[in-house]
C-alpha cells in the first residue's frame, strides 16, 4: 500500500552529506514550507525538545536494506535486521530524532543535535512530552552502545574529540 507524504519543511545545516559520528552541539534550522505559517508553530517554544521526522533523501533505492546486515558493515557486530538498527538505508528512508529546541523565529526552528544534512526534507515535527517517553527502563545490546560511542560527541575545528 503506497501513501503520499509531503515535506512540511527543509533542514538548513552545515553538513552537506551524511556522516556516522560527531553530531553533538551542531546547530541547524528547520524552515517551514508553504502553506505553513508561523501559526503552525504557535506554542512550540514552550517545549524544550522536539521530535523531527525526516527523509534520508540521499539514499538511493538500490541501497535500501530489507533484511539483516552488520551495522556500519562492522563484522565484529552481529548481523541484525534493518528494524533492529537505526541506519539510513531503511525501506521508507525515514529518520527520527529528538533534539533540543533552541528557539522559534517566525516559520523557522533553531535546533541542536539534529542528525540531518542540509536540504533534508522534514516530514513532521512533534513536541516531546514526558508522557510519550518510555515508562520503563530502556534496554539495548552492547554493540549498539559501541556504535553510538562517538555519535553525539562534538568535533572541534582541529579534529579532536570533545
N, C-alpha and C. Protein backbone atom coordinates (compact mmCIF):
# COMPACT_ATOMS: atom_id res chain seq x y z
N UNK A 1 0.84 -1.17 0.00
CA UNK A 1 0.00 0.00 0.00
C UNK A 1 0.89 1.24 0.00
N UNK A 2 0.70 2.09 -0.96
CA UNK A 2 1.50 3.31 -1.06
C UNK A 2 0.76 4.47 -0.42
N UNK A 3 1.54 5.35 0.18
CA UNK A 3 0.99 6.56 0.81
C UNK A 3 1.78 7.75 0.28
N UNK A 4 1.13 8.88 0.18
CA UNK A 4 1.81 10.10 -0.24
C UNK A 4 2.06 10.96 0.99
N UNK A 5 3.32 11.33 1.19
CA UNK A 5 3.70 12.18 2.31
C UNK A 5 4.46 13.37 1.73
N UNK A 6 4.07 14.56 2.12
CA UNK A 6 4.75 15.76 1.63
C UNK A 6 5.56 16.40 2.73
N UNK A 7 6.67 16.98 2.37
CA UNK A 7 7.52 17.67 3.34
C UNK A 7 6.79 18.88 3.91
N UNK A 8 7.03 19.11 5.20
CA UNK A 8 6.49 20.31 5.85
C UNK A 8 7.56 21.38 6.01
N UNK A 9 8.82 20.97 5.83
CA UNK A 9 9.94 21.89 5.99
C UNK A 9 11.21 21.33 5.40
N UNK A 10 12.26 22.13 5.45
CA UNK A 10 13.58 21.76 4.94
C UNK A 10 14.62 22.11 5.99
N UNK A 11 15.60 21.22 6.13
CA UNK A 11 16.70 21.45 7.08
C UNK A 11 17.78 22.30 6.41
N UNK A 12 18.23 23.31 7.13
CA UNK A 12 19.40 24.10 6.72
C UNK A 12 20.49 23.75 7.73
N UNK A 13 21.53 23.08 7.25
CA UNK A 13 22.59 22.60 8.15
C UNK A 13 23.95 22.79 7.51
N UNK A 14 24.98 22.65 8.32
CA UNK A 14 26.36 22.80 7.84
C UNK A 14 26.78 21.60 7.00
N UNK A 15 26.37 20.41 7.40
CA UNK A 15 26.81 19.19 6.71
C UNK A 15 26.08 19.00 5.39
N UNK A 16 26.85 18.83 4.31
CA UNK A 16 26.22 18.59 3.02
C UNK A 16 25.90 17.11 2.78
N UNK A 17 26.58 16.20 3.50
CA UNK A 17 26.40 14.76 3.31
C UNK A 17 26.41 14.06 4.67
N UNK A 18 25.78 12.91 4.72
CA UNK A 18 25.68 12.15 5.97
C UNK A 18 27.04 11.62 6.41
N UNK A 19 27.26 11.69 7.70
CA UNK A 19 28.45 11.12 8.34
C UNK A 19 27.97 10.33 9.54
N UNK A 20 28.77 9.34 9.96
CA UNK A 20 28.33 8.46 11.04
C UNK A 20 28.38 9.08 12.42
N UNK A 21 29.28 10.00 12.69
CA UNK A 21 29.52 10.44 14.06
C UNK A 21 29.67 11.96 14.18
N UNK A 22 29.83 12.40 15.43
CA UNK A 22 30.15 13.79 15.80
C UNK A 22 29.03 14.79 15.47
N UNK A 23 27.82 14.45 15.87
CA UNK A 23 26.68 15.34 15.68
C UNK A 23 26.44 16.25 16.88
N UNK A 24 27.18 16.07 17.94
CA UNK A 24 26.96 16.82 19.18
C UNK A 24 27.14 18.32 19.01
N UNK A 25 26.18 19.08 19.51
CA UNK A 25 26.29 20.53 19.52
C UNK A 25 26.01 21.23 18.21
N UNK A 26 25.85 20.49 17.12
CA UNK A 26 25.62 21.15 15.82
C UNK A 26 24.27 21.84 15.81
N UNK A 27 24.28 23.09 15.38
CA UNK A 27 23.04 23.85 15.28
C UNK A 27 22.55 23.82 13.84
N UNK A 28 21.27 23.66 13.68
CA UNK A 28 20.67 23.71 12.35
C UNK A 28 19.31 24.39 12.44
N UNK A 29 18.73 24.61 11.29
CA UNK A 29 17.46 25.33 11.20
C UNK A 29 16.48 24.50 10.37
N UNK A 30 15.25 24.47 10.82
CA UNK A 30 14.18 23.87 10.03
C UNK A 30 13.30 25.02 9.56
N UNK A 31 13.19 25.19 8.26
CA UNK A 31 12.33 26.23 7.69
C UNK A 31 11.06 25.58 7.16
N UNK A 32 9.92 26.07 7.64
CA UNK A 32 8.65 25.53 7.16
C UNK A 32 8.42 25.92 5.71
N UNK A 33 7.75 25.05 4.99
CA UNK A 33 7.37 25.30 3.61
C UNK A 33 5.93 25.81 3.57
N UNK A 34 5.55 26.43 2.46
CA UNK A 34 4.16 26.83 2.27
C UNK A 34 3.32 25.57 2.18
N UNK A 35 2.13 25.55 2.69
CA UNK A 35 1.30 26.67 3.11
C UNK A 35 1.44 27.01 4.60
N UNK A 36 2.45 26.47 5.28
CA UNK A 36 2.57 26.67 6.72
C UNK A 36 3.03 28.08 7.05
N UNK A 37 2.45 28.63 8.10
CA UNK A 37 2.80 29.96 8.58
C UNK A 37 3.31 29.83 10.01
N UNK A 38 3.69 30.94 10.60
CA UNK A 38 4.16 30.94 11.99
C UNK A 38 3.10 30.39 12.94
N UNK A 39 1.86 30.48 12.56
CA UNK A 39 0.77 29.96 13.39
C UNK A 39 0.92 28.45 13.65
N UNK A 40 1.50 27.73 12.70
CA UNK A 40 1.70 26.28 12.86
C UNK A 40 2.67 25.96 13.99
N UNK A 41 3.51 26.93 14.36
CA UNK A 41 4.50 26.73 15.43
C UNK A 41 4.07 27.39 16.74
N UNK A 42 2.91 27.99 16.76
CA UNK A 42 2.43 28.67 17.96
C UNK A 42 2.41 27.71 19.14
N UNK A 43 3.05 28.09 20.25
CA UNK A 43 3.10 27.28 21.46
C UNK A 43 4.25 26.30 21.52
N UNK A 44 4.92 26.07 20.40
CA UNK A 44 6.02 25.09 20.38
C UNK A 44 7.21 25.55 21.22
N UNK A 45 7.43 26.85 21.32
CA UNK A 45 8.57 27.38 22.09
C UNK A 45 8.45 27.06 23.58
N UNK A 46 7.29 26.61 24.03
CA UNK A 46 7.12 26.23 25.43
C UNK A 46 7.72 24.86 25.74
N UNK A 47 8.15 24.14 24.71
CA UNK A 47 8.75 22.82 24.87
C UNK A 47 10.26 22.91 24.74
N UNK A 48 10.97 22.09 25.48
CA UNK A 48 12.44 22.10 25.41
C UNK A 48 12.98 21.27 24.25
N UNK A 49 12.22 20.26 23.82
CA UNK A 49 12.68 19.34 22.78
C UNK A 49 11.56 19.09 21.76
N UNK A 50 11.99 18.78 20.54
CA UNK A 50 11.04 18.36 19.51
C UNK A 50 11.52 17.05 18.90
N UNK A 51 10.57 16.31 18.36
CA UNK A 51 10.91 15.11 17.59
C UNK A 51 10.73 15.47 16.12
N UNK A 52 11.77 15.23 15.35
CA UNK A 52 11.75 15.57 13.93
C UNK A 52 11.77 14.28 13.12
N UNK A 53 10.78 14.13 12.26
CA UNK A 53 10.74 13.00 11.32
C UNK A 53 11.18 13.55 9.98
N UNK A 54 12.14 12.88 9.37
CA UNK A 54 12.70 13.41 8.13
C UNK A 54 13.02 12.30 7.15
N UNK A 55 13.31 12.68 5.92
CA UNK A 55 13.59 11.73 4.85
C UNK A 55 15.09 11.68 4.58
N UNK A 56 15.64 10.46 4.57
CA UNK A 56 17.03 10.27 4.16
C UNK A 56 17.05 10.38 2.63
N UNK A 57 16.98 11.59 2.13
CA UNK A 57 16.76 11.83 0.70
C UNK A 57 17.94 11.47 -0.20
N UNK A 58 19.13 11.30 0.35
CA UNK A 58 20.28 10.94 -0.48
C UNK A 58 20.45 9.43 -0.65
N UNK A 59 19.67 8.63 0.05
CA UNK A 59 19.78 7.18 -0.07
C UNK A 59 19.13 6.73 -1.37
N UNK A 60 19.92 6.09 -2.21
CA UNK A 60 19.42 5.59 -3.48
C UNK A 60 18.59 4.32 -3.25
N UNK A 61 17.53 4.13 -4.03
CA UNK A 61 16.70 2.94 -3.86
C UNK A 61 17.49 1.62 -3.89
N UNK A 62 18.54 1.57 -4.68
CA UNK A 62 19.34 0.34 -4.76
C UNK A 62 20.12 0.05 -3.48
N UNK A 63 20.24 1.03 -2.60
CA UNK A 63 20.99 0.87 -1.34
C UNK A 63 20.10 0.52 -0.15
N UNK A 64 18.80 0.45 -0.36
CA UNK A 64 17.88 0.15 0.73
C UNK A 64 18.04 -1.30 1.17
N UNK A 65 18.03 -1.51 2.48
CA UNK A 65 18.19 -2.84 3.07
C UNK A 65 16.82 -3.34 3.52
N UNK A 66 16.50 -4.58 3.16
CA UNK A 66 15.22 -5.18 3.56
C UNK A 66 15.40 -6.31 4.56
N UNK A 67 16.61 -6.78 4.74
CA UNK A 67 16.87 -7.90 5.64
C UNK A 67 17.81 -7.52 6.76
N UNK A 68 18.79 -8.39 7.00
CA UNK A 68 19.77 -8.17 8.07
C UNK A 68 21.11 -7.75 7.48
N UNK A 69 21.86 -7.02 8.28
CA UNK A 69 23.23 -6.65 7.91
C UNK A 69 23.98 -6.31 9.18
N UNK A 70 25.30 -6.22 9.05
CA UNK A 70 26.13 -5.79 10.17
C UNK A 70 26.06 -4.26 10.23
N UNK A 71 25.65 -3.67 11.36
CA UNK A 71 25.61 -2.20 11.44
C UNK A 71 26.96 -1.59 11.05
N UNK A 72 26.89 -0.57 10.21
CA UNK A 72 28.08 0.12 9.68
C UNK A 72 29.05 -0.86 9.02
N UNK A 73 28.54 -2.00 8.59
CA UNK A 73 29.35 -3.05 7.95
C UNK A 73 30.49 -3.54 8.83
N UNK A 74 30.33 -3.42 10.13
CA UNK A 74 31.34 -3.87 11.09
C UNK A 74 31.07 -5.33 11.44
N UNK A 75 31.92 -6.22 10.96
CA UNK A 75 31.74 -7.67 11.16
C UNK A 75 31.90 -8.08 12.62
N UNK A 76 32.44 -7.19 13.48
CA UNK A 76 32.54 -7.50 14.91
C UNK A 76 31.19 -7.37 15.60
N UNK A 77 30.25 -6.71 14.96
CA UNK A 77 28.90 -6.58 15.50
C UNK A 77 28.00 -7.58 14.79
N UNK A 78 26.98 -8.09 15.45
CA UNK A 78 26.13 -9.10 14.83
C UNK A 78 25.30 -8.54 13.68
N UNK A 79 25.01 -9.41 12.72
CA UNK A 79 24.07 -9.02 11.67
C UNK A 79 22.68 -8.95 12.32
N UNK A 80 22.03 -7.83 12.16
CA UNK A 80 20.69 -7.64 12.73
C UNK A 80 19.78 -7.07 11.64
N UNK A 81 18.50 -7.34 11.79
CA UNK A 81 17.52 -6.85 10.83
C UNK A 81 17.47 -5.33 10.77
N UNK A 82 17.04 -4.81 9.65
CA UNK A 82 17.00 -3.36 9.46
C UNK A 82 16.13 -2.67 10.51
N UNK A 83 15.13 -3.39 11.05
CA UNK A 83 14.28 -2.78 12.07
C UNK A 83 14.87 -2.92 13.47
N UNK A 84 16.06 -3.52 13.58
CA UNK A 84 16.77 -3.62 14.86
C UNK A 84 17.97 -2.68 14.87
N UNK A 85 17.97 -1.71 13.97
CA UNK A 85 19.04 -0.71 13.91
C UNK A 85 18.45 0.60 13.38
N UNK A 86 19.24 1.66 13.44
CA UNK A 86 18.74 2.98 13.06
C UNK A 86 19.43 3.53 11.81
N UNK A 87 19.99 2.65 11.00
CA UNK A 87 20.70 3.07 9.80
C UNK A 87 19.80 3.82 8.81
N UNK A 88 20.44 4.57 7.93
CA UNK A 88 19.70 5.41 6.98
C UNK A 88 19.15 4.63 5.79
N UNK A 89 19.64 3.43 5.54
CA UNK A 89 19.22 2.66 4.36
C UNK A 89 17.94 1.87 4.65
N UNK A 90 16.98 2.52 5.21
CA UNK A 90 15.73 1.90 5.65
C UNK A 90 14.73 1.81 4.49
N UNK A 91 13.78 0.86 4.56
CA UNK A 91 12.82 0.71 3.47
C UNK A 91 12.09 2.00 3.09
N UNK A 92 11.67 2.81 4.04
CA UNK A 92 10.98 4.06 3.70
C UNK A 92 11.87 5.29 3.85
N UNK A 93 13.14 5.08 4.18
CA UNK A 93 14.13 6.15 4.31
C UNK A 93 13.72 7.23 5.32
N UNK A 94 12.98 6.85 6.36
CA UNK A 94 12.52 7.82 7.35
C UNK A 94 13.43 7.82 8.57
N UNK A 95 13.88 9.01 8.94
CA UNK A 95 14.68 9.19 10.15
C UNK A 95 13.86 9.89 11.21
N UNK A 96 14.25 9.70 12.46
CA UNK A 96 13.54 10.32 13.58
C UNK A 96 14.56 10.67 14.65
N UNK A 97 14.55 11.92 15.08
CA UNK A 97 15.48 12.37 16.11
C UNK A 97 14.77 13.30 17.08
N UNK A 98 15.04 13.10 18.36
CA UNK A 98 14.59 14.04 19.39
C UNK A 98 15.73 15.01 19.61
N UNK A 99 15.47 16.30 19.45
CA UNK A 99 16.55 17.28 19.59
C UNK A 99 16.10 18.50 20.39
N UNK A 100 17.06 19.16 21.03
CA UNK A 100 16.73 20.38 21.79
C UNK A 100 16.26 21.50 20.85
N UNK A 101 15.20 22.16 21.27
CA UNK A 101 14.69 23.32 20.54
C UNK A 101 15.31 24.56 21.17
N UNK A 102 16.11 25.28 20.40
CA UNK A 102 16.80 26.48 20.90
C UNK A 102 15.84 27.67 20.89
N UNK A 103 15.18 27.88 19.74
CA UNK A 103 14.23 28.99 19.66
C UNK A 103 13.38 28.85 18.39
N UNK A 104 12.30 29.61 18.39
CA UNK A 104 11.41 29.69 17.24
C UNK A 104 11.50 31.11 16.69
N UNK A 105 11.72 31.24 15.39
CA UNK A 105 11.81 32.55 14.72
C UNK A 105 10.84 32.56 13.55
N UNK A 106 9.63 32.98 13.77
CA UNK A 106 8.64 33.00 12.69
C UNK A 106 8.31 31.60 12.23
N UNK A 107 8.72 31.28 10.99
CA UNK A 107 8.49 29.93 10.45
C UNK A 107 9.77 29.09 10.47
N UNK A 108 10.70 29.47 11.33
CA UNK A 108 11.97 28.75 11.43
C UNK A 108 12.18 28.24 12.85
N UNK A 109 12.67 27.01 12.94
CA UNK A 109 13.03 26.41 14.22
C UNK A 109 14.54 26.27 14.27
N UNK A 110 15.15 26.80 15.30
CA UNK A 110 16.59 26.64 15.50
C UNK A 110 16.74 25.51 16.52
N UNK A 111 17.49 24.48 16.13
CA UNK A 111 17.66 23.30 16.98
C UNK A 111 19.14 22.92 17.05
N UNK A 112 19.47 22.08 18.02
CA UNK A 112 20.81 21.49 18.06
C UNK A 112 20.65 19.98 18.02
N UNK A 113 21.72 19.33 17.60
CA UNK A 113 21.82 17.86 17.59
C UNK A 113 20.75 17.19 16.74
N UNK A 114 20.39 17.82 15.64
CA UNK A 114 19.54 17.17 14.64
C UNK A 114 20.48 16.52 13.63
N UNK A 115 20.46 15.22 13.55
CA UNK A 115 21.39 14.49 12.68
C UNK A 115 20.82 14.35 11.27
N UNK A 116 20.53 15.49 10.68
CA UNK A 116 20.05 15.56 9.31
C UNK A 116 20.93 16.56 8.56
N UNK A 117 21.11 16.32 7.28
CA UNK A 117 22.02 17.14 6.48
C UNK A 117 21.28 18.29 5.79
N UNK A 118 22.06 19.19 5.22
CA UNK A 118 21.50 20.34 4.52
C UNK A 118 20.58 19.87 3.39
N UNK A 119 19.40 20.45 3.32
CA UNK A 119 18.45 20.12 2.27
C UNK A 119 17.52 18.95 2.60
N UNK A 120 17.65 18.39 3.79
CA UNK A 120 16.81 17.25 4.18
C UNK A 120 15.34 17.67 4.28
N UNK A 121 14.44 16.93 3.61
CA UNK A 121 13.02 17.20 3.76
C UNK A 121 12.52 16.76 5.14
N UNK A 122 11.80 17.63 5.82
CA UNK A 122 11.21 17.32 7.13
C UNK A 122 9.76 16.89 6.89
N UNK A 123 9.41 15.71 7.39
CA UNK A 123 8.08 15.15 7.17
C UNK A 123 7.09 15.54 8.26
N UNK A 124 7.59 15.71 9.49
CA UNK A 124 6.72 16.09 10.59
C UNK A 124 7.56 16.59 11.76
N UNK A 125 6.93 17.37 12.60
CA UNK A 125 7.57 17.94 13.80
C UNK A 125 6.58 17.75 14.95
N UNK A 126 7.07 17.19 16.05
CA UNK A 126 6.20 16.98 17.21
C UNK A 126 6.89 17.46 18.47
N UNK A 127 6.14 18.02 19.42
CA UNK A 127 6.74 18.37 20.70
C UNK A 127 7.02 17.08 21.47
N UNK A 128 8.09 17.07 22.25
CA UNK A 128 8.39 15.92 23.09
C UNK A 128 7.70 16.13 24.43
N UNK A 129 6.90 15.16 24.79
CA UNK A 129 6.19 15.17 26.07
C UNK A 129 6.66 13.98 26.89
N UNK A 130 6.93 14.21 28.14
CA UNK A 130 7.42 13.15 29.03
C UNK A 130 6.52 11.93 28.97
N UNK A 131 5.23 12.14 28.85
CA UNK A 131 4.28 11.03 28.86
C UNK A 131 4.43 10.10 27.65
N UNK A 132 5.10 10.56 26.60
CA UNK A 132 5.32 9.71 25.43
C UNK A 132 6.69 9.03 25.44
N UNK A 133 7.52 9.37 26.40
CA UNK A 133 8.82 8.71 26.53
C UNK A 133 8.62 7.37 27.23
N UNK A 134 9.57 6.44 27.09
CA UNK A 134 9.40 5.12 27.72
C UNK A 134 9.15 5.24 29.22
N UNK A 135 8.22 4.44 29.69
CA UNK A 135 7.88 4.44 31.11
C UNK A 135 8.69 3.41 31.89
N UNK A 136 9.38 2.55 31.18
CA UNK A 136 10.24 1.54 31.82
C UNK A 136 11.66 1.73 31.32
N UNK A 137 12.58 1.02 31.96
CA UNK A 137 13.99 1.10 31.59
C UNK A 137 14.19 0.70 30.12
N UNK A 138 15.00 1.46 29.41
CA UNK A 138 15.33 1.16 28.02
C UNK A 138 16.52 0.21 28.00
N UNK A 139 16.37 -0.91 27.33
CA UNK A 139 17.44 -1.90 27.21
C UNK A 139 17.91 -1.97 25.77
N UNK A 140 19.21 -2.17 25.58
CA UNK A 140 19.76 -2.32 24.24
C UNK A 140 21.02 -3.16 24.31
N UNK A 141 21.39 -3.81 23.19
CA UNK A 141 22.57 -4.67 23.19
C UNK A 141 23.87 -3.87 23.29
N UNK A 142 24.92 -4.54 23.74
CA UNK A 142 26.23 -3.91 23.95
C UNK A 142 26.75 -3.28 22.66
N UNK A 143 26.61 -3.98 21.52
CA UNK A 143 27.15 -3.45 20.27
C UNK A 143 26.57 -2.07 19.94
N UNK A 144 25.31 -1.83 20.32
CA UNK A 144 24.70 -0.54 19.98
C UNK A 144 25.31 0.60 20.79
N UNK A 145 25.75 0.32 22.01
CA UNK A 145 26.47 1.34 22.79
C UNK A 145 27.81 1.66 22.12
N UNK A 146 28.48 0.63 21.63
CA UNK A 146 29.77 0.84 20.93
C UNK A 146 29.55 1.67 19.66
N UNK A 147 28.52 1.34 18.92
CA UNK A 147 28.21 2.06 17.68
C UNK A 147 27.95 3.54 17.96
N UNK A 148 27.27 3.83 19.06
CA UNK A 148 26.87 5.20 19.37
C UNK A 148 27.91 5.99 20.17
N UNK A 149 29.03 5.37 20.50
CA UNK A 149 30.03 5.99 21.38
C UNK A 149 30.43 7.40 20.94
N UNK A 150 30.64 7.63 19.66
CA UNK A 150 31.09 8.94 19.17
C UNK A 150 29.98 9.72 18.46
N UNK A 151 28.79 9.15 18.41
CA UNK A 151 27.71 9.76 17.62
C UNK A 151 27.37 11.18 18.07
N UNK A 152 27.23 11.39 19.37
CA UNK A 152 26.83 12.70 19.88
C UNK A 152 28.00 13.51 20.43
N UNK A 153 29.23 13.05 20.19
CA UNK A 153 30.39 13.85 20.59
C UNK A 153 30.51 15.07 19.69
N UNK A 154 31.14 16.11 20.21
CA UNK A 154 31.42 17.31 19.41
C UNK A 154 32.77 17.13 18.74
N UNK A 155 32.88 17.66 17.55
CA UNK A 155 34.14 17.65 16.82
C UNK A 155 34.59 19.10 16.67
N UNK A 156 35.75 19.42 17.24
CA UNK A 156 36.21 20.80 17.13
C UNK A 156 36.93 20.99 15.79
N UNK A 157 37.18 22.24 15.39
CA UNK A 157 37.81 22.52 14.10
C UNK A 157 39.16 21.85 13.90
N UNK A 158 39.87 21.55 14.99
CA UNK A 158 41.17 20.89 14.87
C UNK A 158 41.03 19.38 14.72
N UNK A 159 39.79 18.89 14.78
CA UNK A 159 39.55 17.47 14.57
C UNK A 159 39.64 16.62 15.82
N UNK A 160 39.90 17.23 16.96
CA UNK A 160 39.94 16.42 18.19
C UNK A 160 38.53 16.25 18.73
N UNK A 161 38.35 15.27 19.58
CA UNK A 161 37.03 14.98 20.13
C UNK A 161 36.78 15.79 21.38
N UNK A 162 35.53 16.12 21.62
CA UNK A 162 35.20 16.87 22.82
C UNK A 162 33.84 16.61 23.34
